[in-house]
Protein backbone atom coordinates (compact mmCIF):
# COMPACT_ATOMS: atom_id res chain seq x y z
CA MET A 1 149.45 43.12 -146.84
CA LEU A 2 152.80 44.97 -146.79
CA ILE A 3 154.01 43.01 -149.82
CA LYS A 4 150.90 43.95 -151.81
CA LEU A 5 151.24 47.59 -150.77
CA ALA A 6 154.94 47.61 -151.62
CA TRP A 7 154.26 46.23 -155.10
CA ARG A 8 151.63 48.93 -155.78
CA ASN A 9 153.92 51.67 -154.49
CA LEU A 10 156.66 50.39 -156.79
CA TRP A 11 154.47 51.05 -159.82
CA ARG A 12 153.17 54.44 -158.84
CA ASN A 13 155.73 55.93 -161.20
CA LYS A 14 155.74 53.40 -164.02
CA LEU A 15 158.32 55.21 -166.14
CA ARG A 16 160.88 55.47 -163.35
CA THR A 17 160.47 51.84 -162.31
CA SER A 18 160.59 50.65 -165.92
CA ILE A 19 163.80 52.56 -166.59
CA MET A 20 165.45 51.04 -163.52
CA LEU A 21 164.29 47.55 -164.48
CA GLY A 22 165.59 48.09 -168.01
CA ALA A 23 168.97 49.17 -166.65
CA MET A 24 169.12 46.09 -164.41
CA ILE A 25 168.15 43.73 -167.24
CA PHE A 26 170.70 45.25 -169.62
CA GLY A 27 173.42 45.25 -166.96
CA LEU A 28 172.76 41.65 -165.93
CA PHE A 29 172.72 40.57 -169.57
CA GLY A 30 176.15 42.14 -170.00
CA VAL A 31 177.59 40.62 -166.82
CA VAL A 32 176.24 37.12 -167.52
CA GLY A 33 177.36 37.38 -171.14
CA ILE A 34 180.92 38.26 -170.15
CA ILE A 35 181.00 35.50 -167.52
CA GLY A 36 179.69 33.00 -170.08
CA PHE A 37 182.24 34.11 -172.68
CA ILE A 38 185.17 33.88 -170.26
CA SER A 39 183.97 30.54 -168.85
CA GLY A 40 183.62 29.17 -172.37
CA LEU A 41 187.06 30.47 -173.33
CA TYR A 42 188.79 29.03 -170.27
CA GLY A 43 186.81 25.80 -170.46
CA ASN A 44 187.79 25.31 -174.09
CA MET A 45 191.43 26.06 -173.32
CA ILE A 46 191.48 23.51 -170.48
CA HIS A 47 189.60 20.90 -172.53
CA ASN A 48 192.03 21.20 -175.44
CA ALA A 49 195.06 21.15 -173.16
CA ILE A 50 193.84 17.91 -171.53
CA ALA A 51 192.84 16.36 -174.85
CA TRP A 52 196.02 17.18 -176.75
CA GLN A 53 198.83 17.78 -174.28
CA THR A 54 198.48 16.70 -170.67
CA SER A 55 195.70 14.07 -170.61
CA HIS A 56 194.27 13.66 -167.12
CA ILE A 57 197.30 11.89 -165.66
CA GLN A 58 200.84 11.38 -166.87
CA VAL A 59 203.41 8.93 -165.51
CA HIS A 60 207.14 9.59 -165.93
CA ASN A 61 210.42 8.47 -164.52
CA GLN A 62 211.28 11.15 -161.97
CA ALA A 63 214.73 11.40 -163.54
CA TYR A 64 213.09 12.20 -166.89
CA ILE A 65 211.14 15.09 -165.34
CA ASP A 66 214.37 16.51 -163.92
CA ASP A 67 216.39 15.76 -167.06
CA PRO A 68 214.52 14.67 -170.22
CA ASP A 69 217.33 12.37 -171.38
CA ILE A 70 216.34 9.62 -173.78
CA LYS A 71 217.79 6.99 -171.41
CA ASN A 72 215.45 7.93 -168.55
CA THR A 73 212.58 5.61 -169.47
CA LEU A 74 209.87 4.46 -167.07
CA VAL A 75 210.97 1.97 -164.42
CA GLU A 76 209.23 -1.43 -164.60
CA LEU A 77 206.98 -0.41 -167.50
CA ALA A 78 205.01 -3.69 -167.43
CA SER A 79 204.11 -3.16 -163.75
CA VAL A 80 202.95 0.38 -164.46
CA GLU A 81 200.75 -0.81 -167.32
CA ALA A 82 199.27 -3.56 -165.14
CA ALA A 83 198.45 -1.02 -162.41
CA ILE A 84 196.74 1.26 -164.93
CA GLU A 85 194.60 -1.63 -166.15
CA GLN A 86 193.20 -1.96 -162.62
CA LEU A 87 192.01 1.66 -162.44
CA SER A 88 188.32 2.44 -162.79
CA GLN A 89 186.76 4.77 -165.37
CA VAL A 90 189.83 4.71 -167.61
CA LYS A 91 188.86 5.88 -171.09
CA GLY A 92 192.25 5.03 -172.56
CA TRP A 93 195.99 5.19 -171.99
CA SER A 94 198.99 5.40 -174.26
CA ALA A 95 202.70 4.74 -173.70
CA ARG A 96 204.95 7.12 -175.61
CA PHE A 97 208.62 7.06 -176.51
CA ILE A 98 209.79 10.64 -176.86
CA ALA A 99 212.87 12.12 -178.49
CA ASP A 100 213.80 15.75 -179.01
CA GLY A 101 215.27 16.09 -182.45
CA MET A 102 215.07 17.68 -185.87
CA VAL A 103 212.85 17.22 -188.90
CA ALA A 104 214.43 18.15 -192.21
CA SER A 105 213.13 18.42 -195.75
CA ALA A 106 214.85 19.54 -198.93
CA ARG A 107 213.70 23.09 -198.13
CA SER A 108 214.21 23.60 -194.40
CA THR A 109 214.89 22.14 -190.96
CA ARG A 110 213.02 22.52 -187.65
CA GLY A 111 213.42 21.35 -184.08
CA VAL A 112 210.57 19.08 -182.97
CA ARG A 113 209.45 16.63 -180.32
CA ILE A 114 209.25 13.21 -181.93
CA ASN A 115 206.40 11.22 -180.38
CA GLY A 116 206.69 7.47 -180.82
CA VAL A 117 203.19 6.12 -180.15
CA ASP A 118 201.22 2.91 -180.18
CA ILE A 119 198.73 3.44 -182.99
CA ASP A 120 195.46 2.22 -181.46
CA ALA A 121 196.24 3.34 -177.91
CA GLU A 122 197.09 6.92 -178.96
CA ALA A 123 193.89 7.20 -180.97
CA ASN A 124 191.91 6.45 -177.76
CA VAL A 125 193.74 9.10 -175.73
CA THR A 126 194.08 12.07 -178.09
CA PRO A 127 191.78 13.20 -180.92
CA ILE A 128 194.65 13.29 -183.40
CA ALA A 129 193.34 10.42 -185.52
CA SER A 130 190.17 12.43 -186.22
CA SER A 131 192.12 15.65 -186.86
CA ILE A 132 193.95 14.51 -189.98
CA GLN A 133 193.46 17.19 -192.65
CA GLN A 134 195.24 15.35 -195.45
CA GLY A 135 196.32 11.73 -195.76
CA GLU A 136 195.53 9.25 -193.01
CA TRP A 137 196.36 8.12 -189.47
CA LEU A 138 199.33 5.85 -188.83
CA ASP A 139 198.99 2.12 -189.43
CA GLU A 140 201.25 -0.90 -189.61
CA GLN A 141 201.69 -0.64 -193.35
CA GLY A 142 204.75 0.92 -194.97
CA ARG A 143 208.20 1.77 -193.75
CA ASN A 144 208.74 4.68 -191.35
CA PRO A 145 205.49 6.69 -191.74
CA VAL A 146 205.28 10.08 -189.99
CA LEU A 147 202.54 12.61 -189.21
CA VAL A 148 203.34 16.32 -189.38
CA SER A 149 201.18 19.34 -188.66
CA GLU A 150 199.81 21.74 -191.25
CA LYS A 151 202.11 24.42 -189.89
CA THR A 152 205.20 22.22 -190.17
CA ALA A 153 204.15 21.04 -193.62
CA SER A 154 203.78 24.65 -194.76
CA ARG A 155 207.16 25.71 -193.44
CA LEU A 156 209.00 22.68 -194.81
CA LYS A 157 207.00 22.64 -198.06
CA LEU A 158 205.68 19.12 -197.44
CA ARG A 159 202.68 17.20 -198.70
CA VAL A 160 201.42 13.66 -198.24
CA GLY A 161 204.06 11.31 -199.60
CA SER A 162 206.96 13.75 -199.11
CA LYS A 163 210.18 12.43 -197.63
CA VAL A 164 211.67 13.92 -194.45
CA VAL A 165 214.64 13.01 -192.29
CA LEU A 166 214.25 12.75 -188.51
CA THR A 167 217.42 13.00 -186.42
CA PHE A 168 217.98 12.85 -182.65
CA THR A 169 220.52 11.72 -180.08
CA ASP A 170 220.19 8.01 -179.34
CA ALA A 171 220.85 6.07 -176.12
CA SER A 172 224.58 5.87 -176.87
CA GLY A 173 224.88 9.62 -177.24
CA ASP A 174 225.32 9.43 -181.01
CA VAL A 175 223.24 11.23 -183.59
CA SER A 176 220.78 8.80 -185.12
CA GLY A 177 218.24 9.32 -187.84
CA ALA A 178 216.36 7.89 -190.76
CA ALA A 179 214.20 8.88 -193.68
CA PHE A 180 210.44 8.95 -193.06
CA ARG A 181 207.57 9.48 -195.45
CA VAL A 182 204.66 11.78 -194.61
CA ARG A 183 201.55 9.62 -194.08
CA GLY A 184 199.25 12.40 -192.91
CA ILE A 185 198.99 16.09 -192.02
CA PHE A 186 197.11 17.08 -188.85
CA LYS A 187 195.90 20.30 -187.29
CA THR A 188 195.14 20.99 -183.61
CA PRO A 189 193.68 24.08 -181.88
CA SER A 190 197.15 24.98 -180.53
CA THR A 191 199.60 26.54 -182.97
CA SER A 192 202.50 26.08 -180.54
CA PHE A 193 201.73 22.36 -180.26
CA ASP A 194 201.52 22.04 -184.04
CA ASP A 195 204.81 23.83 -184.42
CA SER A 196 206.75 21.40 -182.25
CA ASN A 197 205.29 17.88 -182.57
CA VAL A 198 205.47 15.03 -185.07
CA TYR A 199 204.18 11.46 -184.63
CA VAL A 200 205.77 8.15 -185.62
CA ARG A 201 205.26 4.53 -184.59
CA ARG A 202 206.87 3.69 -181.27
CA THR A 203 208.51 0.57 -182.69
CA ASP A 204 210.22 2.60 -185.42
CA LEU A 205 211.58 5.15 -182.95
CA THR A 206 212.83 2.65 -180.36
CA ALA A 207 214.65 0.73 -183.09
CA LEU A 208 216.49 3.89 -184.09
CA ALA A 209 217.16 4.89 -180.47
CA GLY A 210 218.59 1.52 -179.54
CA ILE A 211 216.52 1.34 -176.35
CA GLU A 212 213.13 -0.15 -175.47
CA GLY A 213 210.44 1.14 -173.12
CA ALA A 214 208.55 4.43 -172.86
CA HIS A 215 209.17 7.84 -171.35
CA GLU A 216 205.57 8.79 -170.73
CA ILE A 217 202.19 7.18 -170.18
CA ALA A 218 199.18 9.43 -170.75
CA ILE A 219 195.87 8.39 -169.17
CA ARG A 220 192.38 9.71 -169.95
CA PHE A 221 189.32 9.24 -167.72
CA ASP A 222 185.61 9.67 -168.34
CA ASN A 223 185.56 12.50 -165.79
CA ASP A 224 188.11 15.28 -165.25
CA ASP A 225 187.85 15.02 -161.46
CA MET A 226 188.91 11.36 -161.47
CA ALA A 227 192.50 12.48 -162.04
CA PHE A 228 192.66 13.88 -158.51
CA VAL A 229 191.00 10.80 -157.03
CA LEU A 230 193.18 8.16 -158.70
CA ALA A 231 196.60 9.81 -158.95
CA ASN A 232 197.72 8.88 -155.43
CA PRO A 233 196.41 5.28 -155.51
CA LEU A 234 198.27 4.73 -158.78
CA GLN A 235 201.44 6.21 -157.31
CA GLU A 236 201.27 3.75 -154.40
CA GLN A 237 201.13 0.77 -156.75
CA ILE A 238 204.17 1.57 -158.89
CA SER A 239 207.87 2.12 -158.30
CA SER A 240 208.76 5.19 -156.26
CA ARG A 241 211.21 6.14 -159.00
CA ASN A 242 208.23 6.86 -161.24
CA THR A 243 206.08 9.94 -160.66
CA VAL A 244 202.34 10.28 -161.24
CA ARG A 245 201.09 13.81 -161.92
CA ASP A 246 197.60 15.08 -162.64
CA TRP A 247 196.94 17.71 -165.30
CA LYS A 248 197.05 20.60 -162.83
CA GLU A 249 200.53 19.61 -161.71
CA ILE A 250 201.71 19.20 -165.29
CA GLN A 251 200.42 22.63 -166.32
CA PRO A 252 200.15 24.92 -163.28
CA MET A 253 198.90 27.70 -165.56
CA LEU A 254 195.64 25.80 -166.05
CA ALA A 255 195.17 25.51 -162.30
CA SER A 256 195.88 29.21 -161.95
CA ILE A 257 193.26 30.02 -164.59
CA ILE A 258 190.63 28.00 -162.74
CA ASN A 259 191.49 29.66 -159.42
CA GLN A 260 191.36 33.16 -160.90
CA GLN A 261 188.12 32.64 -162.80
CA GLY A 262 185.96 32.93 -159.68
CA THR A 263 187.75 36.11 -158.65
CA SER A 264 187.34 37.76 -162.05
CA ASN A 265 183.64 36.86 -162.13
CA ALA A 266 183.17 38.30 -158.66
CA ILE A 267 184.89 41.55 -159.65
CA MET A 268 182.64 41.99 -162.71
CA LEU A 269 179.52 41.23 -160.67
CA GLY A 270 180.70 43.58 -157.92
CA ILE A 271 181.10 46.48 -160.38
CA PHE A 272 177.59 45.93 -161.72
CA VAL A 273 176.07 45.62 -158.23
CA LEU A 274 177.81 48.81 -157.09
CA ALA A 275 176.46 50.78 -160.05
CA MET A 276 173.02 49.24 -159.59
CA GLY A 277 173.07 50.05 -155.87
CA PHE A 278 173.71 53.75 -156.50
CA GLY A 279 170.84 53.76 -159.01
CA ILE A 280 168.45 52.17 -156.53
CA VAL A 281 169.50 54.55 -153.74
CA ASN A 282 168.79 57.49 -156.04
CA ILE A 283 165.40 56.16 -157.10
CA MET A 284 164.32 55.25 -153.56
CA LEU A 285 165.40 58.63 -152.20
CA MET A 286 163.21 60.33 -154.79
CA SER A 287 160.36 57.93 -154.04
CA VAL A 288 160.39 58.28 -150.27
CA PHE A 289 160.85 62.06 -150.27
CA GLU A 290 157.92 62.40 -152.68
CA ARG A 291 155.83 60.49 -150.15
CA THR A 292 157.10 62.26 -147.02
CA ARG A 293 153.64 63.62 -146.12
CA GLU A 294 152.11 60.21 -146.77
CA PHE A 295 154.55 58.55 -144.38
CA GLY A 296 153.86 61.31 -141.85
CA VAL A 297 150.13 60.55 -141.97
CA LEU A 298 150.79 56.83 -141.57
CA MET A 299 152.95 57.45 -138.50
CA ALA A 300 150.39 59.91 -137.09
CA VAL A 301 147.54 57.39 -137.32
CA GLY A 302 149.60 54.84 -135.43
CA MET A 303 151.60 52.86 -138.01
CA GLN A 304 154.81 51.75 -136.36
CA LYS A 305 158.08 52.99 -137.79
CA HIS A 306 159.51 49.50 -138.21
CA ARG A 307 156.58 48.62 -140.49
CA ILE A 308 157.29 51.68 -142.66
CA PHE A 309 160.94 50.66 -142.68
CA THR A 310 159.92 47.14 -143.76
CA LEU A 311 157.64 48.58 -146.46
CA ILE A 312 160.50 50.52 -148.05
CA LEU A 313 162.79 47.48 -147.89
CA LEU A 314 160.12 45.33 -149.53
CA GLU A 315 159.76 47.84 -152.38
CA THR A 316 163.46 47.64 -153.20
CA ALA A 317 163.55 43.88 -152.67
CA LEU A 318 160.69 43.45 -155.14
CA LEU A 319 162.48 45.76 -157.57
CA GLY A 320 165.65 43.67 -157.21
CA ILE A 321 163.80 40.36 -157.58
CA SER A 322 161.93 41.58 -160.68
CA GLY A 323 165.09 42.93 -162.31
CA ALA A 324 167.12 39.84 -161.43
CA VAL A 325 164.48 37.40 -162.68
CA LEU A 326 163.90 39.23 -165.97
CA GLY A 327 167.61 39.84 -166.54
CA LEU A 328 168.55 36.24 -165.84
CA ILE A 329 165.75 34.89 -168.05
CA VAL A 330 167.00 36.99 -170.99
CA SER A 331 170.59 35.94 -170.23
CA LEU A 332 169.67 32.26 -169.85
CA LEU A 333 167.86 32.19 -173.20
CA THR A 334 170.78 33.91 -174.93
CA ILE A 335 173.51 31.78 -173.35
CA THR A 336 171.54 28.58 -174.04
CA THR A 337 171.12 29.52 -177.70
CA LEU A 338 174.77 30.49 -178.14
CA GLY A 339 175.78 27.36 -176.24
CA HIS A 340 174.27 25.33 -179.10
CA THR A 341 175.16 27.53 -182.09
CA GLY A 342 178.51 28.80 -180.84
CA ILE A 343 180.21 32.14 -181.51
CA SER A 344 182.49 32.22 -184.52
CA LEU A 345 185.86 33.81 -183.76
CA GLY A 346 187.50 33.00 -187.07
CA VAL A 347 188.96 36.50 -187.44
CA MET A 348 190.93 35.88 -184.22
CA ALA A 349 192.10 32.41 -185.22
CA GLU A 350 195.82 33.17 -185.09
CA GLY A 351 195.66 34.79 -181.66
CA LEU A 352 193.40 32.10 -180.21
CA GLY A 353 195.65 29.37 -181.59
CA ALA A 354 198.48 30.64 -179.44
CA PHE A 355 196.35 29.79 -176.39
CA GLY A 356 195.01 26.51 -177.77
CA VAL A 357 191.43 27.77 -178.17
CA ASP A 358 189.03 26.73 -180.94
CA THR A 359 187.70 29.36 -183.34
CA VAL A 360 184.10 28.50 -182.41
CA LEU A 361 183.39 29.37 -178.78
CA TYR A 362 180.48 27.99 -176.75
CA PRO A 363 179.69 30.25 -173.77
CA THR A 364 178.56 28.55 -170.60
CA VAL A 365 177.22 29.67 -167.22
CA SER A 366 176.60 27.15 -164.45
CA ALA A 367 173.43 26.95 -162.36
CA ASN A 368 175.43 27.92 -159.27
CA GLU A 369 176.62 31.10 -161.00
CA TYR A 370 173.04 32.04 -161.93
CA LEU A 371 171.99 31.46 -158.32
CA MET A 372 174.91 33.50 -156.98
CA ILE A 373 174.06 36.40 -159.29
CA PHE A 374 170.36 36.31 -158.31
CA ILE A 375 171.08 36.30 -154.56
CA THR A 376 173.72 39.03 -154.88
CA VAL A 377 171.40 41.34 -156.83
CA VAL A 378 168.46 40.86 -154.43
CA VAL A 379 170.61 41.36 -151.32
CA ALA A 380 172.32 44.42 -152.80
CA SER A 381 168.95 45.89 -153.79
CA THR A 382 167.62 45.46 -150.27
CA LEU A 383 170.73 46.96 -148.67
CA ALA A 384 170.50 49.95 -151.03
CA ALA A 385 167.16 50.86 -149.38
CA LEU A 386 168.62 51.22 -145.89
CA TYR A 387 169.78 54.81 -146.36
CA PRO A 388 166.53 56.15 -147.90
CA ALA A 389 164.46 54.32 -145.26
CA ARG A 390 166.60 55.72 -142.44
CA GLN A 391 166.25 59.27 -143.79
CA ILE A 392 162.46 59.20 -143.75
CA LEU A 393 162.26 57.58 -140.31
CA LYS A 394 164.37 60.35 -138.80
CA GLN A 395 161.52 62.80 -139.27
CA HIS A 396 158.84 63.52 -136.69
CA PRO A 397 155.27 62.73 -137.87
CA ALA A 398 154.18 66.38 -137.57
CA GLU A 399 157.20 67.61 -139.56
CA ALA A 400 156.64 64.95 -142.18
CA MET A 401 152.98 65.90 -142.56
CA ALA A 402 153.95 69.56 -143.00
CA ASP A 403 156.37 68.73 -145.80
CA LYS A 404 155.32 70.46 -149.06
CA HIS A 405 157.36 68.35 -151.53
């Protein structure tokens, strides 16, 4: 009975209630939209970092982490590879021989990280094979093929078929190098990655370096969370001189972003709820003071004060539920649509590239976030009614009935 009465009271002044509902819907749409945009931005940044740079797990010689010298290759590489083969849910893994060196053309020279990779294995770990803009992915044909990025190709004035010279310090401490021919030109979402990486066959690079083995093994799983489950078991099966690190350990900034995302979402929601709460307090004060005589009559005929208190709380709770449901439905439809079509950010391509973010963003909001927003809005709406309800209950029935407002 109280719920039915509260709903009717809520719509006594249709314009006032409609304006408040409109404000709640618009505010929730803005909050959910910002949360979806930020979640999509961070999610894309993390996805690209895992796909292109960190993978889910990397294995290095501990000495290489402390000092990336070309001689600090993985200890007992065959044992490490055998242990990886025993892991579950492995999507792919790739052993890399890495050298910091220079790439030079007839026009210019740049410092780069030279990645010596196994052709098929690398294609299963990173999406580079499908990101070739010109030319083709590495294969066993030809002598000393190399992949360079669009950015490097532009700065060194290169095209497919151009000759470059790669130089680096070999295992003996001497400068070693050879001529390579550009087989393909790739582009990734990260401009900093493009600016500092080239790819060659591992066999070509180890022959020049005068040392066998690999400095890094990158492992991809079907699920991001498997990295935290399988890192320690893998560490226990290999030499203690090798170190297994998950993607959060490799790039602490990504872990920091994930940890801060919940806080930033809570702050935005808190600002909206605070503004909404003041609006509801104002509306309910006007509503209850307009009905002061009515409440006085109810108390005079025997209606208990706690039931009047409950009635006022129900009115605001219903207002909060209605606003939250309508606002979240509008937000859900919008986020779902944009989640399929994406938001083009082509005009910000250069800035986004610095953070490794794609130019098409797909906003996303989880079911838990929708639930958290709904509960927060309803609870805040109900709490906002406490002050107006307390003010009306302070009055004596006779004084309330004599009120002329």
